[in-house]
Structures are given as structure tokens and as C-alpha cells.
Amino acid sequence: MTRAVLFDLDGTLADTAQDLGAALNRLLQEYGKSPLPYASIRPVASHGARGLINLGFGIDRDHPEFESLRQRFLDHYDTGFADLTSIFDGINNLLQQLAQRNIAWGVVTNKPMRFTDRLVPALPWSVQPGVIVSGDTVGIAKPDPRPLLYAAEKLGVAPDQCIYLGDAERDVEAAIAAGMKPLIANYGYIADTDLPENWGAAGFIDRPEQLIDYL
């Protein structure tokens, strides 16, 4: 029996790619580089600062300039993290249906508290989340299962009574490790090069309301 549904934030609950992309393009322009089109940014948005810096600058976190670029990216994102972000169509209807079934919901994201604690309350949810867990809430982020386990504990439900919906492989990995049922948001930020059919999820959701079919 499902007693709670936990969601990733970027690319699952909220369409944040335009604000993330705008921050990346401001950073690129700061370094004399050309901005990138939205079509190339959207599939990478769920991977946060690391993925976007890799997209824009071709470096990963082991590069000596990565950390300074990450900090500048976060500074740019801080100036416009809620300008164009919106809740995906169908999410609020889904949340209302969960409430009617007495099923709790919450957010488990790798986005830092610096942004999550301001962004989530600013969005017009039809039902407020029962718990919000950021990438630095418990000192470690997904794919480690501890953020998901912490969320379940705060909601007072057992992990095997939880569904976790996300749009990245690490979401599935974390849910499996936590003993939760992992579902993939096909409408999210999934790249053409991704192979979600190989991630080990229990199912796929093409639009948020389809989640009700799994309850």
C-alpha cells in the first residue's frame, strides 16, 4: 500500500530549465563565450551545476577551474532562480488526487537548500508538501538513499510504502537503495543519449496524472 509519494524537483515537479539555462548563459557571456540554445540545455538541467558547467565549458569537477565556475553559476542562478520556473501541467491535479486518497507527498532534490527553501514555497502548489529535503539537508545527496529515507521518516511512513518519481538515473538508484518503488518522469529532462529503460525503474510516467494508475 502506498502511503507517500516523493518527487524530484527539477524536471519532475517544476520546469526549472529556463532559469538554469539563463544562469549558464550569463556565466558563458561573462567568460566571453556564446550562449547555448535552450534545446541543448533542457536535457542537462536535471544534472544541476555540474552537468551545466560540463555542457558549457567541457570540464568536470576534477578540473581546477570547476569550483570557481560552479560558485559563479550559483551566483547567477541566485539572481533569477524563480523568474521563469513553473509547476509542470498536471502536477497540481495529481497532488489533489493524492490528498483525496490521504497519501502524503514531499520533495527530495539535489538542489541546495539555498534555492530549495525559497523556490518551493514560492510555487503555487494545490497541496503543500509534507517534507522538503535538499541536496545538503542530510549532508549527502542522491544517489545515496539517505535523503529519501530521511523524507520517509519525517512523513512517518515506511520506505516500502513510498513511490519516488524522478527523471534521472540517480533518482532510480536512490529509490532502489532506499527500498522504495522508483518511477521515471518521461516528461522530464531526459536526454536522447540516456537509456532510462535500463535504469531498473518499476514504470514510466508520460504525464503526472498517470501516477494515479500505480496507486
N, C-alpha and C. Protein backbone atom coordinates (compact mmCIF):
# COMPACT_ATOMS: atom_id res chain seq x y z
N MET A 1 0.84 -1.19 0.00
CA MET A 1 0.00 0.00 0.00
C MET A 1 0.88 1.25 0.00
N THR A 2 0.58 2.17 -0.89
CA THR A 2 1.34 3.42 -0.97
C THR A 2 0.76 4.45 0.00
N ARG A 3 1.61 4.96 0.86
CA ARG A 3 1.18 5.98 1.82
C ARG A 3 1.83 7.34 1.54
N ALA A 4 2.85 7.36 0.67
CA ALA A 4 3.51 8.63 0.35
C ALA A 4 4.12 8.57 -1.05
N VAL A 5 4.14 9.70 -1.71
CA VAL A 5 4.84 9.86 -2.98
C VAL A 5 5.87 10.96 -2.82
N LEU A 6 7.12 10.64 -3.10
CA LEU A 6 8.21 11.61 -3.06
C LEU A 6 8.62 11.94 -4.49
N PHE A 7 8.96 13.19 -4.70
CA PHE A 7 9.27 13.68 -6.05
C PHE A 7 10.63 14.35 -6.08
N ASP A 8 11.34 14.15 -7.18
CA ASP A 8 12.44 15.04 -7.53
C ASP A 8 11.83 16.40 -7.87
N LEU A 9 12.63 17.45 -7.84
CA LEU A 9 12.11 18.80 -8.11
C LEU A 9 12.32 19.21 -9.57
N ASP A 10 13.58 19.39 -9.97
CA ASP A 10 13.88 19.87 -11.32
C ASP A 10 13.55 18.81 -12.36
N GLY A 11 12.65 19.12 -13.26
CA GLY A 11 12.31 18.18 -14.32
C GLY A 11 11.26 17.16 -13.94
N THR A 12 10.74 17.23 -12.73
CA THR A 12 9.71 16.29 -12.28
C THR A 12 8.50 17.03 -11.73
N LEU A 13 8.72 17.88 -10.75
CA LEU A 13 7.66 18.74 -10.24
C LEU A 13 7.62 20.09 -10.94
N ALA A 14 8.80 20.67 -11.15
CA ALA A 14 8.87 22.03 -11.66
C ALA A 14 9.76 22.10 -12.89
N ASP A 15 9.35 22.94 -13.83
CA ASP A 15 10.11 23.19 -15.05
C ASP A 15 11.08 24.34 -14.77
N THR A 16 12.27 24.01 -14.37
CA THR A 16 13.27 24.98 -13.94
C THR A 16 14.34 25.25 -14.99
N ALA A 17 14.25 24.56 -16.14
CA ALA A 17 15.35 24.58 -17.11
C ALA A 17 15.63 25.97 -17.68
N GLN A 18 14.60 26.78 -17.85
CA GLN A 18 14.84 28.10 -18.44
C GLN A 18 15.65 28.98 -17.51
N ASP A 19 15.36 28.94 -16.21
CA ASP A 19 16.13 29.74 -15.26
C ASP A 19 17.55 29.20 -15.10
N LEU A 20 17.70 27.88 -15.08
CA LEU A 20 19.04 27.29 -15.02
C LEU A 20 19.83 27.64 -16.27
N GLY A 21 19.17 27.56 -17.43
CA GLY A 21 19.84 27.89 -18.68
C GLY A 21 20.23 29.35 -18.76
N ALA A 22 19.38 30.22 -18.26
CA ALA A 22 19.70 31.64 -18.27
C ALA A 22 20.92 31.92 -17.41
N ALA A 23 21.03 31.23 -16.28
CA ALA A 23 22.21 31.41 -15.41
C ALA A 23 23.47 30.92 -16.12
N LEU A 24 23.37 29.78 -16.80
CA LEU A 24 24.52 29.27 -17.54
C LEU A 24 24.93 30.24 -18.63
N ASN A 25 23.97 30.77 -19.36
CA ASN A 25 24.31 31.67 -20.46
C ASN A 25 24.90 32.98 -19.96
N ARG A 26 24.46 33.46 -18.82
CA ARG A 26 25.09 34.66 -18.24
C ARG A 26 26.54 34.36 -17.86
N LEU A 27 26.77 33.15 -17.35
CA LEU A 27 28.13 32.75 -17.00
C LEU A 27 29.00 32.62 -18.24
N LEU A 28 28.46 32.03 -19.28
CA LEU A 28 29.21 31.89 -20.53
C LEU A 28 29.58 33.26 -21.10
N GLN A 29 28.64 34.18 -21.09
CA GLN A 29 28.91 35.53 -21.60
C GLN A 29 29.96 36.23 -20.74
N GLU A 30 29.92 35.98 -19.45
CA GLU A 30 30.92 36.57 -18.55
C GLU A 30 32.33 36.13 -18.94
N TYR A 31 32.44 34.92 -19.46
CA TYR A 31 33.74 34.36 -19.86
C TYR A 31 33.99 34.50 -21.36
N GLY A 32 33.19 35.33 -22.02
CA GLY A 32 33.40 35.61 -23.44
C GLY A 32 32.97 34.51 -24.37
N LYS A 33 32.09 33.64 -23.91
CA LYS A 33 31.61 32.54 -24.73
C LYS A 33 30.19 32.80 -25.22
N SER A 34 29.81 32.15 -26.30
CA SER A 34 28.48 32.33 -26.87
C SER A 34 27.45 31.58 -26.04
N PRO A 35 26.25 32.15 -25.90
CA PRO A 35 25.18 31.45 -25.17
C PRO A 35 24.74 30.20 -25.93
N LEU A 36 24.19 29.25 -25.18
CA LEU A 36 23.72 28.00 -25.76
C LEU A 36 22.20 28.03 -25.96
N PRO A 37 21.70 27.34 -26.98
CA PRO A 37 20.25 27.30 -27.18
C PRO A 37 19.57 26.46 -26.10
N TYR A 38 18.31 26.80 -25.82
CA TYR A 38 17.54 26.10 -24.80
C TYR A 38 17.45 24.60 -25.10
N ALA A 39 17.36 24.24 -26.36
CA ALA A 39 17.21 22.84 -26.74
C ALA A 39 18.39 21.99 -26.27
N SER A 40 19.57 22.57 -26.18
CA SER A 40 20.73 21.81 -25.71
C SER A 40 20.85 21.84 -24.19
N ILE A 41 20.23 22.82 -23.56
CA ILE A 41 20.31 22.96 -22.10
C ILE A 41 19.30 22.07 -21.39
N ARG A 42 18.08 21.98 -21.93
CA ARG A 42 16.99 21.29 -21.23
C ARG A 42 17.34 19.86 -20.82
N PRO A 43 17.91 19.03 -21.71
CA PRO A 43 18.17 17.64 -21.31
C PRO A 43 19.21 17.50 -20.20
N VAL A 44 19.97 18.57 -19.94
CA VAL A 44 21.04 18.51 -18.95
C VAL A 44 20.62 19.14 -17.63
N ALA A 45 19.47 19.81 -17.62
CA ALA A 45 19.09 20.63 -16.47
C ALA A 45 19.00 19.84 -15.18
N SER A 46 18.56 18.59 -15.23
CA SER A 46 18.44 17.79 -14.00
C SER A 46 19.79 17.49 -13.36
N HIS A 47 20.87 17.65 -14.10
CA HIS A 47 22.19 17.35 -13.56
C HIS A 47 22.81 18.54 -12.84
N GLY A 48 22.05 19.64 -12.71
CA GLY A 48 22.47 20.76 -11.90
C GLY A 48 23.73 21.45 -12.40
N ALA A 49 24.42 22.10 -11.46
CA ALA A 49 25.58 22.91 -11.81
C ALA A 49 26.66 22.08 -12.49
N ARG A 50 26.90 20.87 -11.99
CA ARG A 50 27.96 20.04 -12.58
C ARG A 50 27.67 19.75 -14.05
N GLY A 51 26.45 19.32 -14.34
CA GLY A 51 26.12 18.99 -15.72
C GLY A 51 26.13 20.19 -16.63
N LEU A 52 25.65 21.32 -16.13
CA LEU A 52 25.57 22.52 -16.96
C LEU A 52 26.94 23.12 -17.22
N ILE A 53 27.81 23.08 -16.22
CA ILE A 53 29.17 23.58 -16.43
C ILE A 53 29.92 22.67 -17.41
N ASN A 54 29.68 21.39 -17.29
CA ASN A 54 30.29 20.47 -18.25
C ASN A 54 29.79 20.75 -19.65
N LEU A 55 28.49 21.03 -19.78
CA LEU A 55 27.92 21.36 -21.09
C LEU A 55 28.52 22.63 -21.66
N GLY A 56 28.63 23.66 -20.83
CA GLY A 56 29.08 24.96 -21.32
C GLY A 56 30.58 25.11 -21.46
N PHE A 57 31.33 24.43 -20.59
CA PHE A 57 32.77 24.64 -20.56
C PHE A 57 33.57 23.37 -20.85
N GLY A 58 32.90 22.23 -20.90
CA GLY A 58 33.59 20.99 -21.22
C GLY A 58 34.51 20.48 -20.13
N ILE A 59 34.24 20.86 -18.87
CA ILE A 59 35.07 20.39 -17.76
C ILE A 59 34.19 19.75 -16.70
N ASP A 60 34.80 18.88 -15.88
CA ASP A 60 34.10 18.23 -14.79
C ASP A 60 34.70 18.71 -13.47
N ARG A 61 34.20 18.16 -12.37
CA ARG A 61 34.57 18.71 -11.06
C ARG A 61 36.02 18.42 -10.66
N ASP A 62 36.71 17.56 -11.40
CA ASP A 62 38.12 17.35 -11.11
C ASP A 62 39.03 18.39 -11.76
N HIS A 63 38.44 19.28 -12.57
CA HIS A 63 39.21 20.34 -13.22
C HIS A 63 39.47 21.46 -12.21
N PRO A 64 40.67 22.07 -12.21
CA PRO A 64 40.99 23.10 -11.22
C PRO A 64 40.09 24.34 -11.28
N GLU A 65 39.47 24.61 -12.42
CA GLU A 65 38.61 25.79 -12.51
C GLU A 65 37.14 25.47 -12.22
N PHE A 66 36.83 24.20 -12.01
CA PHE A 66 35.42 23.83 -11.87
C PHE A 66 34.75 24.52 -10.69
N GLU A 67 35.38 24.50 -9.53
CA GLU A 67 34.72 25.01 -8.34
C GLU A 67 34.44 26.51 -8.44
N SER A 68 35.36 27.27 -9.01
CA SER A 68 35.12 28.71 -9.16
C SER A 68 33.99 28.95 -10.15
N LEU A 69 33.92 28.16 -11.22
CA LEU A 69 32.82 28.29 -12.18
C LEU A 69 31.49 27.90 -11.53
N ARG A 70 31.51 26.87 -10.71
CA ARG A 70 30.28 26.44 -10.03
C ARG A 70 29.75 27.55 -9.12
N GLN A 71 30.65 28.18 -8.39
CA GLN A 71 30.23 29.25 -7.49
C GLN A 71 29.65 30.43 -8.28
N ARG A 72 30.28 30.77 -9.39
CA ARG A 72 29.77 31.87 -10.22
C ARG A 72 28.42 31.50 -10.83
N PHE A 73 28.27 30.23 -11.25
CA PHE A 73 26.98 29.79 -11.78
C PHE A 73 25.89 29.94 -10.72
N LEU A 74 26.17 29.50 -9.51
CA LEU A 74 25.18 29.61 -8.43
C LEU A 74 24.84 31.07 -8.14
N ASP A 75 25.83 31.94 -8.23
CA ASP A 75 25.56 33.36 -8.02
C ASP A 75 24.63 33.91 -9.10
N HIS A 76 24.87 33.50 -10.34
CA HIS A 76 23.99 33.94 -11.43
C HIS A 76 22.58 33.35 -11.26
N TYR A 77 22.51 32.09 -10.88
CA TYR A 77 21.20 31.46 -10.67
C TYR A 77 20.44 32.12 -9.53
N ASP A 78 21.18 32.58 -8.53
CA ASP A 78 20.56 33.22 -7.37
C ASP A 78 19.81 34.49 -7.76
N THR A 79 20.22 35.13 -8.84
CA THR A 79 19.58 36.38 -9.24
C THR A 79 18.29 36.14 -10.04
N GLY A 80 18.02 34.88 -10.43
CA GLY A 80 16.83 34.65 -11.24
C GLY A 80 16.31 33.24 -11.17
N PHE A 81 16.37 32.61 -9.97
CA PHE A 81 16.00 31.19 -9.87
C PHE A 81 14.50 30.95 -9.99
N ALA A 82 13.68 32.00 -9.88
CA ALA A 82 12.22 31.82 -9.96
C ALA A 82 11.59 32.70 -11.04
N ASP A 83 12.39 33.24 -11.94
CA ASP A 83 11.85 34.16 -12.95
C ASP A 83 10.92 33.45 -13.92
N LEU A 84 11.34 32.30 -14.44
CA LEU A 84 10.59 31.58 -15.47
C LEU A 84 10.16 30.19 -15.04
N THR A 85 10.48 29.79 -13.84
CA THR A 85 10.15 28.46 -13.34
C THR A 85 8.66 28.34 -13.06
N SER A 86 8.09 27.19 -13.41
CA SER A 86 6.67 26.93 -13.17
C SER A 86 6.47 25.46 -12.84
N ILE A 87 5.33 25.15 -12.24
CA ILE A 87 4.97 23.76 -11.97
C ILE A 87 4.51 23.12 -13.28
N PHE A 88 4.92 21.89 -13.52
CA PHE A 88 4.50 21.20 -14.73
C PHE A 88 2.98 21.03 -14.76
N ASP A 89 2.42 21.12 -15.95
CA ASP A 89 0.98 20.88 -16.12
C ASP A 89 0.62 19.50 -15.59
N GLY A 90 -0.45 19.44 -14.83
CA GLY A 90 -0.93 18.17 -14.30
C GLY A 90 -0.47 17.86 -12.90
N ILE A 91 0.59 18.53 -12.43
CA ILE A 91 1.11 18.24 -11.09
C ILE A 91 0.07 18.61 -10.02
N ASN A 92 -0.51 19.78 -10.11
CA ASN A 92 -1.45 20.19 -9.06
C ASN A 92 -2.69 19.31 -9.03
N ASN A 93 -3.13 18.85 -10.19
CA ASN A 93 -4.25 17.91 -10.22
C ASN A 93 -3.85 16.60 -9.54
N LEU A 94 -2.64 16.14 -9.81
CA LEU A 94 -2.13 14.93 -9.17
C LEU A 94 -2.08 15.10 -7.65
N LEU A 95 -1.58 16.23 -7.18
CA LEU A 95 -1.47 16.46 -5.74
C LEU A 95 -2.84 16.46 -5.08
N GLN A 96 -3.82 17.01 -5.74
CA GLN A 96 -5.18 16.99 -5.20
C GLN A 96 -5.70 15.56 -5.10
N GLN A 97 -5.42 14.75 -6.12
CA GLN A 97 -5.86 13.36 -6.09
C GLN A 97 -5.15 12.58 -4.99
N LEU A 98 -3.89 12.87 -4.76
CA LEU A 98 -3.18 12.23 -3.66
C LEU A 98 -3.82 12.60 -2.32
N ALA A 99 -4.13 13.87 -2.16
CA ALA A 99 -4.75 14.32 -0.91
C ALA A 99 -6.09 13.62 -0.67
N GLN A 100 -6.87 13.45 -1.73
CA GLN A 100 -8.16 12.77 -1.61
C GLN A 100 -8.00 11.33 -1.16
N ARG A 101 -6.85 10.74 -1.43
CA ARG A 101 -6.58 9.35 -1.03
C ARG A 101 -5.77 9.29 0.26
N ASN A 102 -5.59 10.43 0.93
CA ASN A 102 -4.81 10.51 2.17
C ASN A 102 -3.37 10.02 1.98
N ILE A 103 -2.81 10.33 0.82
CA ILE A 103 -1.42 9.98 0.52
C ILE A 103 -0.58 11.25 0.64
N ALA A 104 0.43 11.20 1.50
CA ALA A 104 1.32 12.35 1.69
C ALA A 104 2.25 12.50 0.51
N TRP A 105 2.82 13.71 0.38
CA TRP A 105 3.82 13.92 -0.67
C TRP A 105 4.92 14.82 -0.16
N GLY A 106 6.07 14.69 -0.81
CA GLY A 106 7.20 15.51 -0.42
C GLY A 106 8.21 15.65 -1.55
N VAL A 107 9.19 16.50 -1.32
CA VAL A 107 10.23 16.81 -2.30
C VAL A 107 11.56 16.29 -1.81
N VAL A 108 12.27 15.56 -2.66
CA VAL A 108 13.65 15.16 -2.37
C VAL A 108 14.48 15.53 -3.61
N THR A 109 15.30 16.53 -3.48
CA THR A 109 16.05 17.09 -4.60
C THR A 109 17.52 17.22 -4.24
N ASN A 110 18.37 17.28 -5.26
CA ASN A 110 19.78 17.57 -5.04
C ASN A 110 20.07 19.07 -5.08
N LYS A 111 19.05 19.87 -5.36
CA LYS A 111 19.24 21.33 -5.36
C LYS A 111 19.58 21.79 -3.94
N PRO A 112 20.54 22.69 -3.77
CA PRO A 112 20.91 23.14 -2.43
C PRO A 112 19.76 23.86 -1.71
N MET A 113 19.78 23.78 -0.39
CA MET A 113 18.78 24.49 0.43
C MET A 113 18.74 25.98 0.10
N ARG A 114 19.88 26.52 -0.28
CA ARG A 114 19.98 27.93 -0.64
C ARG A 114 18.89 28.33 -1.63
N PHE A 115 18.52 27.40 -2.52
CA PHE A 115 17.49 27.68 -3.51
C PHE A 115 16.16 26.99 -3.18
N THR A 116 16.23 25.74 -2.75
CA THR A 116 15.01 24.97 -2.49
C THR A 116 14.13 25.65 -1.46
N ASP A 117 14.74 26.14 -0.39
CA ASP A 117 13.96 26.72 0.70
C ASP A 117 13.25 28.01 0.30
N ARG A 118 13.67 28.60 -0.81
CA ARG A 118 12.97 29.80 -1.31
C ARG A 118 12.08 29.48 -2.50
N LEU A 119 12.53 28.55 -3.36
CA LEU A 119 11.77 28.26 -4.57
C LEU A 119 10.49 27.49 -4.28
N VAL A 120 10.58 26.41 -3.50
CA VAL A 120 9.40 25.57 -3.27
C VAL A 120 8.26 26.36 -2.64
N PRO A 121 8.49 27.17 -1.60
CA PRO A 121 7.38 27.95 -1.04
C PRO A 121 6.82 29.00 -1.99
N ALA A 122 7.60 29.39 -3.00
CA ALA A 122 7.14 30.43 -3.93
C ALA A 122 6.25 29.89 -5.03
N LEU A 123 6.21 28.57 -5.20
CA LEU A 123 5.43 27.98 -6.28
C LEU A 123 4.00 27.70 -5.81
N PRO A 124 3.01 27.81 -6.70
CA PRO A 124 1.60 27.73 -6.31
C PRO A 124 1.07 26.29 -6.24
N TRP A 125 1.49 25.54 -5.25
CA TRP A 125 1.02 24.16 -5.09
C TRP A 125 -0.44 24.13 -4.68
N SER A 126 -1.18 23.17 -5.19
CA SER A 126 -2.57 22.99 -4.77
C SER A 126 -2.64 22.36 -3.39
N VAL A 127 -1.62 21.59 -3.02
CA VAL A 127 -1.48 20.98 -1.70
C VAL A 127 -0.02 21.16 -1.29
N GLN A 128 0.22 21.64 -0.10
CA GLN A 128 1.60 21.89 0.34
C GLN A 128 2.32 20.59 0.66
N PRO A 129 3.63 20.52 0.37
CA PRO A 129 4.38 19.30 0.65
C PRO A 129 4.52 19.04 2.15
N GLY A 130 4.55 17.76 2.49
CA GLY A 130 4.72 17.38 3.88
C GLY A 130 6.16 17.41 4.33
N VAL A 131 7.10 17.37 3.39
CA VAL A 131 8.52 17.40 3.72
C VAL A 131 9.28 17.92 2.50
N ILE A 132 10.37 18.63 2.74
CA ILE A 132 11.26 19.11 1.69
C ILE A 132 12.69 18.75 2.08
N VAL A 133 13.34 17.95 1.25
CA VAL A 133 14.72 17.54 1.52
C VAL A 133 15.58 18.00 0.35
N SER A 134 16.60 18.79 0.67
CA SER A 134 17.50 19.33 -0.35
C SER A 134 18.78 18.48 -0.43
N GLY A 135 19.63 18.84 -1.37
CA GLY A 135 20.85 18.08 -1.56
C GLY A 135 21.81 18.14 -0.40
N ASP A 136 21.69 19.16 0.45
CA ASP A 136 22.58 19.30 1.60
C ASP A 136 21.84 19.20 2.93
N THR A 137 20.61 18.72 2.93
CA THR A 137 19.84 18.61 4.17
C THR A 137 20.46 17.59 5.12
N VAL A 138 20.84 16.43 4.60
CA VAL A 138 21.41 15.38 5.46
C VAL A 138 22.91 15.21 5.24
N GLY A 139 23.51 16.13 4.49
CA GLY A 139 24.96 16.09 4.29
C GLY A 139 25.42 15.23 3.14
N ILE A 140 24.49 14.62 2.42
CA ILE A 140 24.83 13.81 1.24
C ILE A 140 23.64 13.83 0.31
N ALA A 141 23.89 13.73 -0.98
CA ALA A 141 22.84 13.85 -1.97
C ALA A 141 22.60 12.51 -2.69
N LYS A 142 21.52 12.44 -3.46
CA LYS A 142 21.29 11.27 -4.32
C LYS A 142 22.47 11.11 -5.29
N PRO A 143 22.86 9.88 -5.61
CA PRO A 143 22.11 8.62 -5.50
C PRO A 143 22.16 7.93 -4.15
N ASP A 144 22.79 8.53 -3.14
CA ASP A 144 22.73 7.95 -1.82
C ASP A 144 21.27 7.91 -1.36
N PRO A 145 20.82 6.84 -0.72
CA PRO A 145 19.41 6.75 -0.33
C PRO A 145 19.04 7.54 0.90
N ARG A 146 20.01 8.08 1.63
CA ARG A 146 19.69 8.71 2.91
C ARG A 146 18.74 9.90 2.81
N PRO A 147 18.81 10.75 1.77
CA PRO A 147 17.80 11.81 1.68
C PRO A 147 16.38 11.27 1.57
N LEU A 148 16.18 10.18 0.81
CA LEU A 148 14.86 9.59 0.67
C LEU A 148 14.40 8.96 1.98
N LEU A 149 15.31 8.28 2.66
CA LEU A 149 14.96 7.66 3.94
C LEU A 149 14.61 8.72 4.98
N TYR A 150 15.32 9.82 4.96
CA TYR A 150 15.03 10.93 5.87
C TYR A 150 13.63 11.49 5.60
N ALA A 151 13.28 11.65 4.33
CA ALA A 151 11.96 12.16 3.98
C ALA A 151 10.85 11.22 4.46
N ALA A 152 11.05 9.92 4.24
CA ALA A 152 10.05 8.95 4.69
C ALA A 152 9.88 8.99 6.20
N GLU A 153 11.00 9.11 6.91
CA GLU A 153 10.94 9.19 8.37
C GLU A 153 10.15 10.43 8.81
N LYS A 154 10.40 11.56 8.16
CA LYS A 154 9.70 12.79 8.52
C LYS A 154 8.20 12.69 8.26
N LEU A 155 7.83 11.92 7.23
CA LEU A 155 6.41 11.73 6.91
C LEU A 155 5.78 10.64 7.76
N GLY A 156 6.61 9.88 8.46
CA GLY A 156 6.09 8.82 9.31
C GLY A 156 5.62 7.60 8.55
N VAL A 157 6.27 7.31 7.41
CA VAL A 157 5.89 6.15 6.61
C VAL A 157 7.12 5.27 6.39
N ALA A 158 6.86 3.99 6.15
CA ALA A 158 7.95 3.07 5.86
C ALA A 158 8.42 3.26 4.42
N PRO A 159 9.71 3.05 4.15
CA PRO A 159 10.21 3.21 2.78
C PRO A 159 9.45 2.38 1.75
N ASP A 160 9.05 1.15 2.11
CA ASP A 160 8.36 0.31 1.14
C ASP A 160 6.92 0.74 0.89
N GLN A 161 6.50 1.80 1.58
CA GLN A 161 5.18 2.39 1.35
C GLN A 161 5.28 3.67 0.52
N CYS A 162 6.47 3.91 -0.04
CA CYS A 162 6.73 5.14 -0.79
C CYS A 162 7.00 4.86 -2.27
N ILE A 163 6.49 5.73 -3.10
CA ILE A 163 6.88 5.83 -4.50
C ILE A 163 7.83 7.01 -4.63
N TYR A 164 8.87 6.86 -5.46
CA TYR A 164 9.73 8.01 -5.77
C TYR A 164 9.72 8.24 -7.26
N LEU A 165 9.35 9.44 -7.67
CA LEU A 165 9.27 9.82 -9.08
C LEU A 165 10.37 10.81 -9.41
N GLY A 166 11.19 10.47 -10.40
CA GLY A 166 12.27 11.36 -10.82
C GLY A 166 12.56 11.19 -12.29
N ASP A 167 13.51 11.97 -12.79
CA ASP A 167 13.82 11.94 -14.23
C ASP A 167 15.29 11.69 -14.51
N ALA A 168 16.02 11.15 -13.53
CA ALA A 168 17.45 10.89 -13.71
C ALA A 168 17.79 9.52 -13.15
N GLU A 169 18.86 8.93 -13.66
CA GLU A 169 19.27 7.59 -13.21
C GLU A 169 19.55 7.57 -11.72
N ARG A 170 20.14 8.64 -11.19
CA ARG A 170 20.44 8.66 -9.76
C ARG A 170 19.17 8.61 -8.92
N ASP A 171 18.04 9.09 -9.46
CA ASP A 171 16.78 9.01 -8.74
C ASP A 171 16.34 7.57 -8.58
N VAL A 172 16.47 6.80 -9.64
CA VAL A 172 16.13 5.38 -9.59
C VAL A 172 17.07 4.63 -8.66
N GLU A 173 18.36 4.93 -8.76
CA GLU A 173 19.34 4.27 -7.90
C GLU A 173 19.05 4.53 -6.43
N ALA A 174 18.74 5.77 -6.11
CA ALA A 174 18.47 6.14 -4.71
C ALA A 174 17.21 5.45 -4.20
N ALA A 175 16.17 5.42 -5.04
CA ALA A 175 14.91 4.79 -4.63
C ALA A 175 15.09 3.30 -4.39
N ILE A 176 15.80 2.62 -5.30
CA ILE A 176 16.03 1.19 -5.12
C ILE A 176 16.82 0.92 -3.85
N ALA A 177 17.85 1.71 -3.61
CA ALA A 177 18.67 1.54 -2.41
C ALA A 177 17.88 1.81 -1.14
N ALA A 178 16.89 2.69 -1.24
CA ALA A 178 16.06 3.04 -0.08
C ALA A 178 14.91 2.06 0.12
N GLY A 179 14.71 1.15 -0.81
CA GLY A 179 13.61 0.22 -0.71
C GLY A 179 12.28 0.80 -1.12
N MET A 180 12.32 1.82 -1.98
CA MET A 180 11.11 2.47 -2.48
C MET A 180 10.84 2.04 -3.92
N LYS A 181 9.64 2.32 -4.40
CA LYS A 181 9.28 1.99 -5.77
C LYS A 181 9.67 3.16 -6.67
N PRO A 182 10.62 2.96 -7.60
CA PRO A 182 11.05 4.06 -8.47
C PRO A 182 10.26 4.13 -9.76
N LEU A 183 9.78 5.32 -10.09
CA LEU A 183 9.12 5.58 -11.36
C LEU A 183 9.86 6.72 -12.06
N ILE A 184 9.84 6.70 -13.39
CA ILE A 184 10.55 7.71 -14.18
C ILE A 184 9.56 8.67 -14.82
N ALA A 185 9.82 9.97 -14.67
CA ALA A 185 9.02 11.02 -15.31
C ALA A 185 9.53 11.21 -16.73
N ASN A 186 8.88 10.57 -17.68
CA ASN A 186 9.31 10.66 -19.08
C ASN A 186 9.21 12.08 -19.63
N TYR A 187 8.37 12.91 -19.02
CA TYR A 187 8.19 14.28 -19.49
C TYR A 187 9.30 15.21 -19.00
N GLY A 188 10.21 14.67 -18.20
CA GLY A 188 11.26 15.49 -17.60
C GLY A 188 12.46 15.69 -18.49
N TYR A 189 13.59 15.98 -17.86
CA TYR A 189 14.81 16.36 -18.58
C TYR A 189 15.65 15.11 -18.89
N ILE A 190 15.19 14.33 -19.83
CA ILE A 190 15.88 13.11 -20.23
C ILE A 190 16.49 13.32 -21.61
N ALA A 191 17.79 13.09 -21.70
CA ALA A 191 18.50 13.32 -22.96
C ALA A 191 18.30 12.16 -23.92
N ASP A 192 18.48 12.43 -25.21
CA ASP A 192 18.37 11.38 -26.23
C ASP A 192 19.41 10.28 -26.01
N THR A 193 20.51 10.62 -25.38
CA THR A 193 21.57 9.64 -25.14
C THR A 193 21.34 8.82 -23.87
N ASP A 194 20.37 9.21 -23.05
CA ASP A 194 20.04 8.45 -21.85
C ASP A 194 19.34 7.15 -22.25
N LEU A 195 19.43 6.16 -21.37
CA LEU A 195 18.78 4.88 -21.60
C LEU A 195 17.93 4.53 -20.37
N PRO A 196 16.84 5.28 -20.16
CA PRO A 196 16.05 5.06 -18.94
C PRO A 196 15.45 3.67 -18.83
N GLU A 197 15.28 2.99 -19.95
CA GLU A 197 14.75 1.63 -19.91
C GLU A 197 15.72 0.66 -19.23
N ASN A 198 16.98 1.10 -19.08
CA ASN A 198 17.99 0.26 -18.42
C ASN A 198 18.25 0.65 -16.97
N TRP A 199 17.52 1.61 -16.45
CA TRP A 199 17.80 2.11 -15.11
C TRP A 199 17.20 1.24 -14.00
N GLY A 200 16.27 0.36 -14.34
CA GLY A 200 15.70 -0.52 -13.34
C GLY A 200 14.46 0.02 -12.64
N ALA A 201 13.80 1.00 -13.26
CA ALA A 201 12.58 1.57 -12.66
C ALA A 201 11.41 0.59 -12.77
N ALA A 202 10.41 0.81 -11.93
CA ALA A 202 9.22 -0.03 -11.94
C ALA A 202 8.23 0.39 -13.02
N GLY A 203 8.39 1.61 -13.55
CA GLY A 203 7.47 2.07 -14.58
C GLY A 203 7.81 3.47 -15.04
N PHE A 204 7.04 3.95 -16.02
CA PHE A 204 7.28 5.24 -16.64
C PHE A 204 5.99 6.06 -16.61
N ILE A 205 6.14 7.37 -16.42
CA ILE A 205 5.02 8.29 -16.37
C ILE A 205 5.18 9.30 -17.50
N ASP A 206 4.26 9.31 -18.45
CA ASP A 206 4.33 10.26 -19.56
C ASP A 206 3.71 11.61 -19.21
N ARG A 207 2.82 11.63 -18.25
CA ARG A 207 2.23 12.87 -17.73
C ARG A 207 1.89 12.63 -16.27
N PRO A 208 1.93 13.65 -15.42
CA PRO A 208 1.81 13.44 -13.98
C PRO A 208 0.59 12.64 -13.55
N GLU A 209 -0.57 12.87 -14.17
CA GLU A 209 -1.79 12.19 -13.72
C GLU A 209 -1.71 10.67 -13.86
N GLN A 210 -0.81 10.19 -14.72
CA GLN A 210 -0.67 8.74 -14.88
C GLN A 210 -0.17 8.05 -13.63
N LEU A 211 0.39 8.82 -12.71
CA LEU A 211 0.86 8.23 -11.46
C LEU A 211 -0.28 7.56 -10.69
N ILE A 212 -1.48 8.09 -10.84
CA ILE A 212 -2.63 7.53 -10.13
C ILE A 212 -2.83 6.06 -10.52
N ASP A 213 -2.45 5.68 -11.73
CA ASP A 213 -2.60 4.30 -12.17
C ASP A 213 -1.76 3.34 -11.35
N TYR A 214 -0.72 3.85 -10.68
CA TYR A 214 0.17 2.99 -9.89
C TYR A 214 -0.23 2.89 -8.43
N LEU A 215 -1.29 3.59 -8.04
CA LEU A 215 -1.69 3.59 -6.63
C LEU A 215 -2.70 2.49 -6.34
